[in-house]
C-alpha atoms as a PDB file:
ATOM      1  CA  MET A   1      18.710 -66.085   1.815  1.00  0.00           C
ATOM      2  CA  SER A   2      17.707 -65.691   5.453  1.00  0.00           C
ATOM      3  CA  THR A   3      15.735 -62.709   6.711  1.00  0.00           C
ATOM      4  CA  GLU A   4      18.865 -61.473   8.481  1.00  0.00           C
ATOM      5  CA  GLU A   5      20.936 -61.738   5.296  1.00  0.00           C
ATOM      6  CA  ALA A   6      18.205 -59.951   3.355  1.00  0.00           C
ATOM      7  CA  TRP A   7      18.229 -57.175   5.967  1.00  0.00           C
ATOM      8  CA  VAL A   8      22.031 -56.814   5.769  1.00  0.00           C
ATOM      9  CA  GLU A   9      21.868 -56.689   1.971  1.00  0.00           C
ATOM     10  CA  SER A  10      19.043 -54.125   2.040  1.00  0.00           C
ATOM     11  CA  VAL A  11      21.064 -51.872   4.367  1.00  0.00           C
ATOM     12  CA  TRP A  12      24.032 -52.016   1.983  1.00  0.00           C
ATOM     13  CA  ASN A  13      21.918 -51.476  -1.144  1.00  0.00           C
ATOM     14  CA  GLY A  14      20.042 -48.607   0.501  1.00  0.00           C
ATOM     15  CA  THR A  15      23.312 -47.018   1.572  1.00  0.00           C
ATOM     16  CA  VAL A  16      24.731 -47.221  -1.951  1.00  0.00           C
ATOM     17  CA  GLN A  17      21.512 -45.764  -3.372  1.00  0.00           C
ATOM     18  CA  LEU A  18      21.454 -42.903  -0.862  1.00  0.00           C
ATOM     19  CA  TYR A  19      25.145 -42.132  -1.162  1.00  0.00           C
ATOM     20  CA  SER A  20      24.808 -41.686  -4.923  1.00  0.00           C
ATOM     21  CA  ASN A  21      22.914 -38.461  -4.132  1.00  0.00           C
ATOM     22  CA  PRO A  22      25.388 -35.525  -3.930  1.00  0.00           C
ATOM     23  CA  ALA A  23      23.346 -33.886  -1.138  1.00  0.00           C
ATOM     24  CA  VAL A  24      23.643 -37.053   0.976  1.00  0.00           C
ATOM     25  CA  GLN A  25      27.377 -37.185   0.249  1.00  0.00           C
ATOM     26  CA  ASP A  26      27.698 -33.616   1.514  1.00  0.00           C
ATOM     27  CA  LEU A  27      25.706 -34.435   4.677  1.00  0.00           C
ATOM     28  CA  CYS A  28      27.849 -37.494   5.330  1.00  0.00           C
ATOM     29  CA  LEU A  29      31.125 -35.658   4.785  1.00  0.00           C
ATOM     30  CA  ALA A  30      30.014 -32.889   7.154  1.00  0.00           C
ATOM     31  CA  LEU A  31      29.029 -35.409   9.833  1.00  0.00           C
ATOM     32  CA  GLN A  32      32.263 -37.337   9.318  1.00  0.00           C
ATOM     33  CA  ASP A  33      34.666 -34.405   9.195  1.00  0.00           C
ATOM     34  CA  GLU A  34      32.957 -31.994  11.609  1.00  0.00           C
ATOM     35  CA  GLU A  35      31.345 -34.396  14.099  1.00  0.00           C
ATOM     36  CA  GLY A  36      33.653 -37.413  13.839  1.00  0.00           C
ATOM     37  CA  VAL A  37      30.749 -39.726  12.975  1.00  0.00           C
ATOM     38  CA  CYS A  38      31.649 -43.066  11.391  1.00  0.00           C
ATOM     39  CA  ILE A  39      29.446 -43.126   8.281  1.00  0.00           C
ATOM     40  CA  PRO A  40      29.106 -46.939   8.018  1.00  0.00           C
ATOM     41  CA  THR A  41      27.984 -47.013  11.660  1.00  0.00           C
ATOM     42  CA  LEU A  42      25.677 -44.082  10.958  1.00  0.00           C
ATOM     43  CA  PHE A  43      23.892 -45.891   8.143  1.00  0.00           C
ATOM     44  CA  CYS A  44      23.531 -49.133  10.137  1.00  0.00           C
ATOM     45  CA  VAL A  45      21.988 -47.362  13.127  1.00  0.00           C
ATOM     46  CA  CYS A  46      19.802 -45.087  10.987  1.00  0.00           C
ATOM     47  CA  PHE A  47      18.384 -47.958   8.935  1.00  0.00           C
ATOM     48  CA  ALA A  48      17.720 -49.924  12.138  1.00  0.00           C
ATOM     49  CA  ALA A  49      16.076 -46.867  13.748  1.00  0.00           C
ATOM     50  CA  VAL A  50      13.789 -46.265  10.795  1.00  0.00           C
ATOM     51  CA  ALA A  51      12.828 -49.973  10.678  1.00  0.00           C
ATOM     52  CA  GLY A  52      12.193 -50.053  14.424  1.00  0.00           C
ATOM     53  CA  LEU A  53      14.966 -52.558  15.038  1.00  0.00           C
ATOM     54  CA  LEU A  54      17.083 -50.769  17.625  1.00  0.00           C
ATOM     55  CA  PRO A  55      18.126 -52.687  20.722  1.00  0.00           C
ATOM     56  CA  PRO A  56      18.194 -50.735  24.002  1.00  0.00           C
ATOM     57  CA  ARG A  57      20.397 -47.625  23.894  1.00  0.00           C
ATOM     58  CA  GLU A  58      23.122 -48.914  26.225  1.00  0.00           C
ATOM     59  CA  ARG A  59      23.455 -52.081  24.177  1.00  0.00           C
ATOM     60  CA  ILE A  60      23.786 -50.152  20.924  1.00  0.00           C
ATOM     61  CA  ARG A  61      26.621 -48.097  22.368  1.00  0.00           C
ATOM     62  CA  SER A  62      28.450 -51.225  23.527  1.00  0.00           C
ATOM     63  CA  LEU A  63      27.884 -52.879  20.132  1.00  0.00           C
ATOM     64  CA  ILE A  64      29.303 -49.846  18.345  1.00  0.00           C
ATOM     65  CA  ALA A  65      32.284 -49.748  20.718  1.00  0.00           C
ATOM     66  CA  GLY A  66      32.976 -53.382  19.852  1.00  0.00           C
ATOM     67  CA  TYR A  67      33.688 -52.270  16.302  1.00  0.00           C
ATOM     68  CA  ASP A  68      36.277 -49.638  17.275  1.00  0.00           C
ATOM     69  CA  PRO A  69      39.132 -51.633  15.646  1.00  0.00           C
ATOM     70  CA  ALA A  70      37.236 -51.805  12.338  1.00  0.00           C
ATOM     71  CA  ARG A  71      36.403 -48.090  12.498  1.00  0.00           C
ATOM     72  CA  LEU A  72      40.064 -47.302  13.225  1.00  0.00           C
ATOM     73  CA  GLU A  73      41.122 -49.416  10.234  1.00  0.00           C
ATOM     74  CA  ILE A  74      38.703 -47.512   7.984  1.00  0.00           C
ATOM     75  CA  ALA A  75      39.906 -44.149   9.315  1.00  0.00           C
ATOM     76  CA  THR A  76      43.531 -45.174   8.709  1.00  0.00           C
ATOM     77  CA  ILE A  77      42.828 -46.274   5.134  1.00  0.00           C
ATOM     78  CA  ARG A  78      40.849 -43.053   4.541  1.00  0.00           C
ATOM     79  CA  ALA A  79      43.739 -40.914   5.804  1.00  0.00           C
ATOM     80  CA  GLN A  80      46.179 -42.805   3.560  1.00  0.00           C
ATOM     81  CA  ARG A  81      43.819 -42.406   0.597  1.00  0.00           C
ATOM     82  CA  ARG A  82      43.401 -38.676   1.175  1.00  0.00           C
ATOM     83  CA  ALA A  83      47.173 -38.254   1.483  1.00  0.00           C
ATOM     84  CA  ALA A  84      47.685 -40.213  -1.760  1.00  0.00           C
ATOM     85  CA  ARG A  85      45.139 -38.178  -3.718  1.00  0.00           C
ATOM     86  CA  PRO A  86      46.913 -36.831  -6.787  1.00  0.00           C
ATOM     87  CA  PRO A  87      46.468 -33.160  -7.672  1.00  0.00           C
ATOM     88  CA  ASP A  88      43.752 -32.438 -10.226  1.00  0.00           C
ATOM     89  CA  GLY A  89      44.830 -33.396 -13.711  1.00  0.00           C
ATOM     90  CA  HIS A  90      47.739 -35.572 -12.572  1.00  0.00           C
ATOM     91  CA  ILE A  91      47.646 -39.221 -13.520  1.00  0.00           C
ATOM     92  CA  SER A  92      50.645 -40.328 -11.456  1.00  0.00           C
ATOM     93  CA  GLY A  93      49.548 -41.712  -8.121  1.00  0.00           C
ATOM     94  CA  LYS A  94      45.968 -42.249  -9.265  1.00  0.00           C
ATOM     95  CA  GLN A  95      46.353 -46.043  -9.207  1.00  0.00           C
ATOM     96  CA  VAL A  96      47.468 -46.001  -5.541  1.00  0.00           C
ATOM     97  CA  TYR A  97      44.600 -43.654  -4.676  1.00  0.00           C
ATOM     98  CA  GLU A  98      42.026 -45.883  -6.412  1.00  0.00           C
ATOM     99  CA  GLU A  99      43.430 -49.030  -4.762  1.00  0.00           C
ATOM    100  CA  LEU A 100      43.151 -47.422  -1.314  1.00  0.00           C
ATOM    101  CA  LYS A 101      39.623 -46.266  -2.156  1.00  0.00           C
ATOM    102  CA  LYS A 102      38.703 -49.868  -3.041  1.00  0.00           C
ATOM    103  CA  HIS A 103      40.145 -51.183   0.258  1.00  0.00           C
ATOM    104  CA  GLU A 104      38.282 -48.501   2.198  1.00  0.00           C
ATOM    105  CA  LEU A 105      34.993 -49.518   0.572  1.00  0.00           C
ATOM    106  CA  ILE A 106      35.631 -53.221   1.308  1.00  0.00           C
ATOM    107  CA  ALA A 107      36.356 -52.418   4.969  1.00  0.00           C
ATOM    108  CA  GLU A 108      33.241 -50.221   5.212  1.00  0.00           C
ATOM    109  CA  ARG A 109      31.048 -52.936   3.716  1.00  0.00           C
ATOM    110  CA  ALA A 110      32.460 -55.554   6.107  1.00  0.00           C
ATOM    111  CA  LEU A 111      31.808 -53.285   9.103  1.00  0.00           C
ATOM    112  CA  MET A 112      28.273 -52.545   7.912  1.00  0.00           C
ATOM    113  CA  ALA A 113      27.491 -56.219   7.310  1.00  0.00           C
ATOM    114  CA  ALA A 114      28.695 -57.249  10.757  1.00  0.00           C
ATOM    115  CA  LEU A 115      27.065 -54.375  12.658  1.00  0.00           C
ATOM    116  CA  SER A 116      23.736 -54.425  10.815  1.00  0.00           C
ATOM    117  CA  ALA A 117      23.489 -58.208  11.324  1.00  0.00           C
ATOM    118  CA  GLN A 118      24.219 -57.825  15.025  1.00  0.00           C
ATOM    119  CA  LEU A 119      21.713 -54.983  15.410  1.00  0.00           C
ATOM    120  CA  TYR A 120      19.138 -57.142  13.619  1.00  0.00           C
ATOM    121  CA  ARG A 121      19.782 -60.125  15.918  1.00  0.00           C
ATOM    122  CA  GLU A 122      19.558 -58.025  19.067  1.00  0.00           C
ATOM    123  CA  ALA A 123      16.648 -55.798  18.046  1.00  0.00           C
ATOM    124  CA  ARG A 124      13.703 -55.402  20.351  1.00  0.00           C
ATOM    125  CA  PRO A 125      10.910 -54.212  18.042  1.00  0.00           C
ATOM    126  CA  ASP A 126       8.558 -54.073  21.024  1.00  0.00           C
ATOM    127  CA  LEU A 127      10.644 -51.177  22.390  1.00  0.00           C
ATOM    128  CA  TYR A 128      10.320 -49.164  19.185  1.00  0.00           C
ATOM    129  CA  THR A 129       8.603 -45.832  19.611  1.00  0.00           C
ATOM    130  CA  HIS A 130       8.036 -42.761  17.488  1.00  0.00           C
ATOM    131  CA  VAL A 131      11.230 -41.282  18.952  1.00  0.00           C
ATOM    132  CA  ALA A 132      13.546 -43.751  17.191  1.00  0.00           C
ATOM    133  CA  ASP A 133      15.032 -40.965  15.071  1.00  0.00           C
ATOM    134  CA  ASP A 134      15.834 -38.961  18.196  1.00  0.00           C
ATOM    135  CA  ARG A 135      17.386 -42.058  19.782  1.00  0.00           C
ATOM    136  CA  ALA A 136      19.631 -42.500  16.733  1.00  0.00           C
ATOM    137  CA  VAL A 137      20.792 -38.885  16.989  1.00  0.00           C
ATOM    138  CA  HIS A 138      21.641 -39.252  20.683  1.00  0.00           C
ATOM    139  CA  ILE A 139      23.418 -42.556  20.127  1.00  0.00           C
ATOM    140  CA  LEU A 140      25.531 -41.270  17.250  1.00  0.00           C
ATOM    141  CA  LEU A 141      26.244 -37.741  18.450  1.00  0.00           C
ATOM    142  CA  GLY A 142      26.221 -38.196  22.228  1.00  0.00           C
ATOM    143  CA  ASP A 143      24.191 -36.436  24.886  1.00  0.00           C
ATOM    144  CA  GLY A 144      25.693 -32.945  24.636  1.00  0.00           C
ATOM    145  CA  PRO A 145      25.032 -30.169  22.113  1.00  0.00           C
ATOM    146  CA  LYS A 146      24.397 -31.606  18.658  1.00  0.00           C
ATOM    147  CA  PRO A 147      25.424 -29.242  15.875  1.00  0.00           C
ATOM    148  CA  GLY A 148      25.249 -32.176  13.438  1.00  0.00           C
ATOM    149  CA  ALA A 149      21.700 -33.155  14.423  1.00  0.00           C
ATOM    150  CA  PRO A 150      19.926 -31.299  11.570  1.00  0.00           C
ATOM    151  CA  ALA A 151      22.087 -33.104   9.000  1.00  0.00           C
ATOM    152  CA  LEU A 152      21.428 -36.429  10.682  1.00  0.00           C
ATOM    153  CA  PHE A 153      17.674 -35.830  10.749  1.00  0.00           C
ATOM    154  CA  GLN A 154      17.798 -35.005   7.019  1.00  0.00           C
ATOM    155  CA  LEU A 155      19.586 -38.295   6.425  1.00  0.00           C
ATOM    156  CA  LEU A 156      17.006 -40.210   8.457  1.00  0.00           C
ATOM    157  CA  LEU A 157      14.223 -38.651   6.388  1.00  0.00           C
ATOM    158  CA  ALA A 158      16.003 -39.708   3.183  1.00  0.00           C
ATOM    159  CA  ILE A 159      16.320 -43.275   4.489  1.00  0.00           C
ATOM    160  CA  ARG A 160      12.631 -43.687   5.397  1.00  0.00           C
ATOM    161  CA  PRO A 161      11.336 -44.514   1.894  1.00  0.00           C
ATOM    162  CA  LEU A 162      14.044 -47.164   1.411  1.00  0.00           C
ATOM    163  CA  VAL A 163      13.356 -49.199   4.539  1.00  0.00           C
ATOM    164  CA  ARG A 164      10.998 -52.113   4.795  1.00  0.00           C
ATOM    165  CA  ARG A 165      10.767 -53.634   8.221  1.00  0.00           C
ATOM    166  CA  PRO A 166      11.805 -57.313   8.049  1.00  0.00           C
ATOM    167  CA  ALA A 167       9.063 -59.839   8.759  1.00  0.00           C
END
């Protein structure tokens, strides 16, 4: 396994580990629903920020924009899944809901693999500074007021112990 492949796998494994925490799930849902943040993109950029592997800011934004079709596909599947969610206690429709959930997860993993690999390839570790967390917030939430910034900083702090900078 190459260093890049190991990095991509570590981002996915770290994401799964973090997302198993209900508090992280709540943070992610708030950022997704209230701020419009794409959670797979969020995790890729946050892991890269914590590892010091962020390319220059303008390049990150253009990289993220290049994945707009994948993010739209995920959002479409998510909307279909939410619409198909059966009422509590009802079994009918659960199979469709679970199938859509599976497709959403596959699409999220594919987006994360592609974006985290590209961020890794284009990283400029020499540009890394102690303000990487702040850079991630500005990249993900824009340059205006950032009501979601506290949640994002909490997520970055949760990611720190899981990240090992690739050699």
